[in-house]
Amino acid sequence: MGTIRSRKTRQLRDSRAIDQVHGDLRNPKQLAQFKALIPDEDRPANGIYHCVECAKFFEQEHNLREHKRGKNHKRRLRMLKEEPYSQKEADAAVGIGGNAFYENMLLKKEEARLTKLMEKEQARLAKQSKLTGMEVEV
């Protein structure tokens, strides 16, 4: 009797997996499919107030706002910043076709680093032009 009850509470407590939420954020069609699984009448407030990142529904807009200010939501956002593992990454870990994958990954990291540097430089130039009152081309 205890295992059935604990299994039910675990199912209620668990939310969607991180990779599923990544798919929801990237593909609105997948999010629509998730929302269509359960009828709106069975959801709190007929499914109006929904936190996509945490895959939770709320009764009132106030509850949703308070949830978005909370620690659990912010923790989930930090977890979602990391890309989920792909099949290529798993193959590279085993040793199948790893060189091309790692070269591509290094290129992406270098590109991200360079774009961040460009943004900082543009912000610095914009700030400098405000201080001097002159137009600076970027």
C-alpha atoms as a PDB file:
ATOM      1  CA  MET A   1       0.000   0.000   0.000  1.00  0.00           C
ATOM      2  CA  GLY A   2       2.816   2.417   0.791  1.00  0.00           C
ATOM      3  CA  THR A   3       4.624   1.878  -2.509  1.00  0.00           C
ATOM      4  CA  ILE A   4       1.540   2.678  -4.582  1.00  0.00           C
ATOM      5  CA  ARG A   5       0.889   5.871  -2.661  1.00  0.00           C
ATOM      6  CA  SER A   6       4.525   6.983  -2.880  1.00  0.00           C
ATOM      7  CA  ARG A   7       4.598   6.171  -6.601  1.00  0.00           C
ATOM      8  CA  LYS A   8       1.547   8.370  -7.173  1.00  0.00           C
ATOM      9  CA  THR A   9       3.004  11.280  -5.235  1.00  0.00           C
ATOM     10  CA  ARG A  10       6.295  10.916  -7.113  1.00  0.00           C
ATOM     11  CA  GLN A  11       4.429  11.104 -10.423  1.00  0.00           C
ATOM     12  CA  LEU A  12       2.595  14.229  -9.280  1.00  0.00           C
ATOM     13  CA  ARG A  13       5.794  15.858  -8.044  1.00  0.00           C
ATOM     14  CA  ASP A  14       7.913  15.083 -11.118  1.00  0.00           C
ATOM     15  CA  SER A  15       7.760  17.516 -13.983  1.00  0.00           C
ATOM     16  CA  ARG A  16       8.828  17.165 -17.590  1.00  0.00           C
ATOM     17  CA  ALA A  17      12.430  16.258 -18.268  1.00  0.00           C
ATOM     18  CA  ILE A  18      14.897  18.964 -19.238  1.00  0.00           C
ATOM     19  CA  ASP A  19      15.334  17.679 -22.791  1.00  0.00           C
ATOM     20  CA  GLN A  20      11.560  17.683 -23.294  1.00  0.00           C
ATOM     21  CA  VAL A  21      11.354  21.298 -22.113  1.00  0.00           C
ATOM     22  CA  HIS A  22      14.236  22.191 -24.463  1.00  0.00           C
ATOM     23  CA  GLY A  23      12.163  20.736 -27.283  1.00  0.00           C
ATOM     24  CA  ASP A  24       9.128  22.735 -26.147  1.00  0.00           C
ATOM     25  CA  LEU A  25      11.096  25.980 -26.191  1.00  0.00           C
ATOM     26  CA  ARG A  26      12.628  25.313 -29.611  1.00  0.00           C
ATOM     27  CA  ASN A  27       9.537  23.892 -31.297  1.00  0.00           C
ATOM     28  CA  PRO A  28       6.097  25.443 -30.606  1.00  0.00           C
ATOM     29  CA  LYS A  29       4.444  22.471 -32.310  1.00  0.00           C
ATOM     30  CA  GLN A  30       5.846  20.140 -29.650  1.00  0.00           C
ATOM     31  CA  LEU A  31       4.557  22.473 -26.921  1.00  0.00           C
ATOM     32  CA  ALA A  32       1.096  22.413 -28.500  1.00  0.00           C
ATOM     33  CA  GLN A  33       1.191  18.608 -28.516  1.00  0.00           C
ATOM     34  CA  PHE A  34       2.093  18.585 -24.814  1.00  0.00           C
ATOM     35  CA  LYS A  35      -0.758  20.960 -23.980  1.00  0.00           C
ATOM     36  CA  ALA A  36      -3.188  18.841 -26.010  1.00  0.00           C
ATOM     37  CA  LEU A  37      -2.436  15.703 -23.962  1.00  0.00           C
ATOM     38  CA  ILE A  38      -4.654  16.738 -21.051  1.00  0.00           C
ATOM     39  CA  PRO A  39      -7.973  18.523 -21.607  1.00  0.00           C
ATOM     40  CA  ASP A  40      -8.103  22.108 -20.364  1.00  0.00           C
ATOM     41  CA  GLU A  41     -10.951  21.288 -17.978  1.00  0.00           C
ATOM     42  CA  ASP A  42      -8.613  19.068 -15.952  1.00  0.00           C
ATOM     43  CA  ARG A  43      -5.925  21.721 -15.539  1.00  0.00           C
ATOM     44  CA  PRO A  44      -5.834  24.498 -12.962  1.00  0.00           C
ATOM     45  CA  ALA A  45      -7.580  27.627 -14.300  1.00  0.00           C
ATOM     46  CA  ASN A  46      -8.279  25.751 -17.539  1.00  0.00           C
ATOM     47  CA  GLY A  47      -4.593  25.862 -18.483  1.00  0.00           C
ATOM     48  CA  ILE A  48      -4.365  29.638 -18.870  1.00  0.00           C
ATOM     49  CA  TYR A  49      -1.411  30.295 -16.548  1.00  0.00           C
ATOM     50  CA  HIS A  50       1.417  28.037 -17.667  1.00  0.00           C
ATOM     51  CA  CYS A  51       5.144  28.185 -16.931  1.00  0.00           C
ATOM     52  CA  VAL A  52       6.745  26.607 -20.008  1.00  0.00           C
ATOM     53  CA  GLU A  53      10.203  26.276 -18.459  1.00  0.00           C
ATOM     54  CA  CYS A  54       8.946  24.335 -15.433  1.00  0.00           C
ATOM     55  CA  ALA A  55       5.986  22.686 -17.226  1.00  0.00           C
ATOM     56  CA  LYS A  56       3.568  23.699 -14.457  1.00  0.00           C
ATOM     57  CA  PHE A  57       0.079  25.170 -14.505  1.00  0.00           C
ATOM     58  CA  PHE A  58      -1.186  27.679 -11.947  1.00  0.00           C
ATOM     59  CA  GLU A  59      -4.577  28.797 -10.662  1.00  0.00           C
ATOM     60  CA  GLN A  60      -3.975  32.543 -10.818  1.00  0.00           C
ATOM     61  CA  GLU A  61      -1.668  34.971 -12.566  1.00  0.00           C
ATOM     62  CA  HIS A  62      -0.368  36.072  -9.160  1.00  0.00           C
ATOM     63  CA  ASN A  63       0.784  32.516  -8.404  1.00  0.00           C
ATOM     64  CA  LEU A  64       2.588  32.345 -11.752  1.00  0.00           C
ATOM     65  CA  ARG A  65       4.355  35.669 -11.091  1.00  0.00           C
ATOM     66  CA  GLU A  66       5.415  34.531  -7.614  1.00  0.00           C
ATOM     67  CA  HIS A  67       6.646  31.239  -9.061  1.00  0.00           C
ATOM     68  CA  LYS A  68       8.780  33.075 -11.637  1.00  0.00           C
ATOM     69  CA  ARG A  69      10.400  35.061  -8.819  1.00  0.00           C
ATOM     70  CA  GLY A  70      11.193  31.899  -6.866  1.00  0.00           C
ATOM     71  CA  LYS A  71      14.283  29.782  -6.438  1.00  0.00           C
ATOM     72  CA  ASN A  72      12.957  26.663  -8.180  1.00  0.00           C
ATOM     73  CA  HIS A  73      12.104  28.562 -11.363  1.00  0.00           C
ATOM     74  CA  LYS A  74      15.478  30.310 -11.450  1.00  0.00           C
ATOM     75  CA  ARG A  75      17.253  26.994 -10.886  1.00  0.00           C
ATOM     76  CA  ARG A  76      15.324  25.478 -13.776  1.00  0.00           C
ATOM     77  CA  LEU A  77      16.307  28.414 -16.026  1.00  0.00           C
ATOM     78  CA  ARG A  78      19.985  27.850 -15.207  1.00  0.00           C
ATOM     79  CA  MET A  79      19.596  24.170 -16.058  1.00  0.00           C
ATOM     80  CA  LEU A  80      17.954  25.089 -19.374  1.00  0.00           C
ATOM     81  CA  LYS A  81      20.867  27.332 -20.395  1.00  0.00           C
ATOM     82  CA  GLU A  82      22.972  24.223 -20.994  1.00  0.00           C
ATOM     83  CA  GLU A  83      22.258  22.359 -24.201  1.00  0.00           C
ATOM     84  CA  PRO A  84      21.054  18.777 -23.720  1.00  0.00           C
ATOM     85  CA  TYR A  85      23.309  15.945 -24.815  1.00  0.00           C
ATOM     86  CA  SER A  86      22.897  14.905 -28.425  1.00  0.00           C
ATOM     87  CA  GLN A  87      23.438  11.541 -30.053  1.00  0.00           C
ATOM     88  CA  LYS A  88      26.591  12.886 -31.723  1.00  0.00           C
ATOM     89  CA  GLU A  89      27.987  13.829 -28.332  1.00  0.00           C
ATOM     90  CA  ALA A  90      27.202  10.384 -26.950  1.00  0.00           C
ATOM     91  CA  ASP A  91      28.903   8.748 -29.940  1.00  0.00           C
ATOM     92  CA  ALA A  92      31.948  10.968 -29.468  1.00  0.00           C
ATOM     93  CA  ALA A  93      32.168   9.938 -25.809  1.00  0.00           C
ATOM     94  CA  VAL A  94      32.261   6.285 -26.870  1.00  0.00           C
ATOM     95  CA  GLY A  95      34.857   7.027 -29.537  1.00  0.00           C
ATOM     96  CA  ILE A  96      32.770   6.907 -32.715  1.00  0.00           C
ATOM     97  CA  GLY A  97      33.389   9.905 -34.977  1.00  0.00           C
ATOM     98  CA  GLY A  98      34.590  12.073 -32.119  1.00  0.00           C
ATOM     99  CA  ASN A  99      37.128  14.225 -33.958  1.00  0.00           C
ATOM    100  CA  ALA A 100      34.623  15.985 -36.201  1.00  0.00           C
ATOM    101  CA  PHE A 101      32.239  16.524 -33.294  1.00  0.00           C
ATOM    102  CA  TYR A 102      34.874  18.051 -31.023  1.00  0.00           C
ATOM    103  CA  GLU A 103      36.219  20.269 -33.807  1.00  0.00           C
ATOM    104  CA  ASN A 104      32.695  21.549 -34.439  1.00  0.00           C
ATOM    105  CA  MET A 105      32.144  22.100 -30.714  1.00  0.00           C
ATOM    106  CA  LEU A 106      35.408  24.055 -30.407  1.00  0.00           C
ATOM    107  CA  LEU A 107      34.412  26.209 -33.380  1.00  0.00           C
ATOM    108  CA  LYS A 108      31.053  26.990 -31.764  1.00  0.00           C
ATOM    109  CA  LYS A 109      32.719  27.944 -28.474  1.00  0.00           C
ATOM    110  CA  GLU A 110      35.215  30.187 -30.256  1.00  0.00           C
ATOM    111  CA  GLU A 111      32.405  31.813 -32.240  1.00  0.00           C
ATOM    112  CA  ALA A 112      30.421  32.464 -29.055  1.00  0.00           C
ATOM    113  CA  ARG A 113      33.500  33.956 -27.390  1.00  0.00           C
ATOM    114  CA  LEU A 114      34.130  36.255 -30.354  1.00  0.00           C
ATOM    115  CA  THR A 115      30.518  37.455 -30.496  1.00  0.00           C
ATOM    116  CA  LYS A 116      30.655  38.236 -26.784  1.00  0.00           C
ATOM    117  CA  LEU A 117      33.849  40.247 -27.326  1.00  0.00           C
ATOM    118  CA  MET A 118      32.238  42.110 -30.236  1.00  0.00           C
ATOM    119  CA  GLU A 119      29.211  42.998 -28.101  1.00  0.00           C
ATOM    120  CA  LYS A 120      31.458  44.305 -25.314  1.00  0.00           C
ATOM    121  CA  GLU A 121      33.447  46.376 -27.789  1.00  0.00           C
ATOM    122  CA  GLN A 122      30.264  47.819 -29.319  1.00  0.00           C
ATOM    123  CA  ALA A 123      28.947  48.703 -25.866  1.00  0.00           C
ATOM    124  CA  ARG A 124      32.265  50.363 -25.000  1.00  0.00           C
ATOM    125  CA  LEU A 125      32.234  52.384 -28.226  1.00  0.00           C
ATOM    126  CA  ALA A 126      28.622  53.428 -27.679  1.00  0.00           C
ATOM    127  CA  LYS A 127      29.446  54.561 -24.156  1.00  0.00           C
ATOM    128  CA  GLN A 128      32.491  56.446 -25.410  1.00  0.00           C
ATOM    129  CA  SER A 129      30.465  58.192 -28.109  1.00  0.00           C
ATOM    130  CA  LYS A 130      27.883  59.275 -25.516  1.00  0.00           C
ATOM    131  CA  LEU A 131      30.601  60.755 -23.325  1.00  0.00           C
ATOM    132  CA  THR A 132      32.342  62.623 -26.135  1.00  0.00           C
ATOM    133  CA  GLY A 133      29.187  63.501 -28.053  1.00  0.00           C
ATOM    134  CA  MET A 134      30.684  62.241 -31.299  1.00  0.00           C
ATOM    135  CA  GLU A 135      29.374  59.566 -33.602  1.00  0.00           C
ATOM    136  CA  VAL A 136      31.600  56.479 -33.742  1.00  0.00           C
ATOM    137  CA  GLU A 137      31.109  53.910 -36.481  1.00  0.00           C
ATOM    138  CA  VAL A 138      30.998  50.300 -35.406  1.00  0.00           C
END
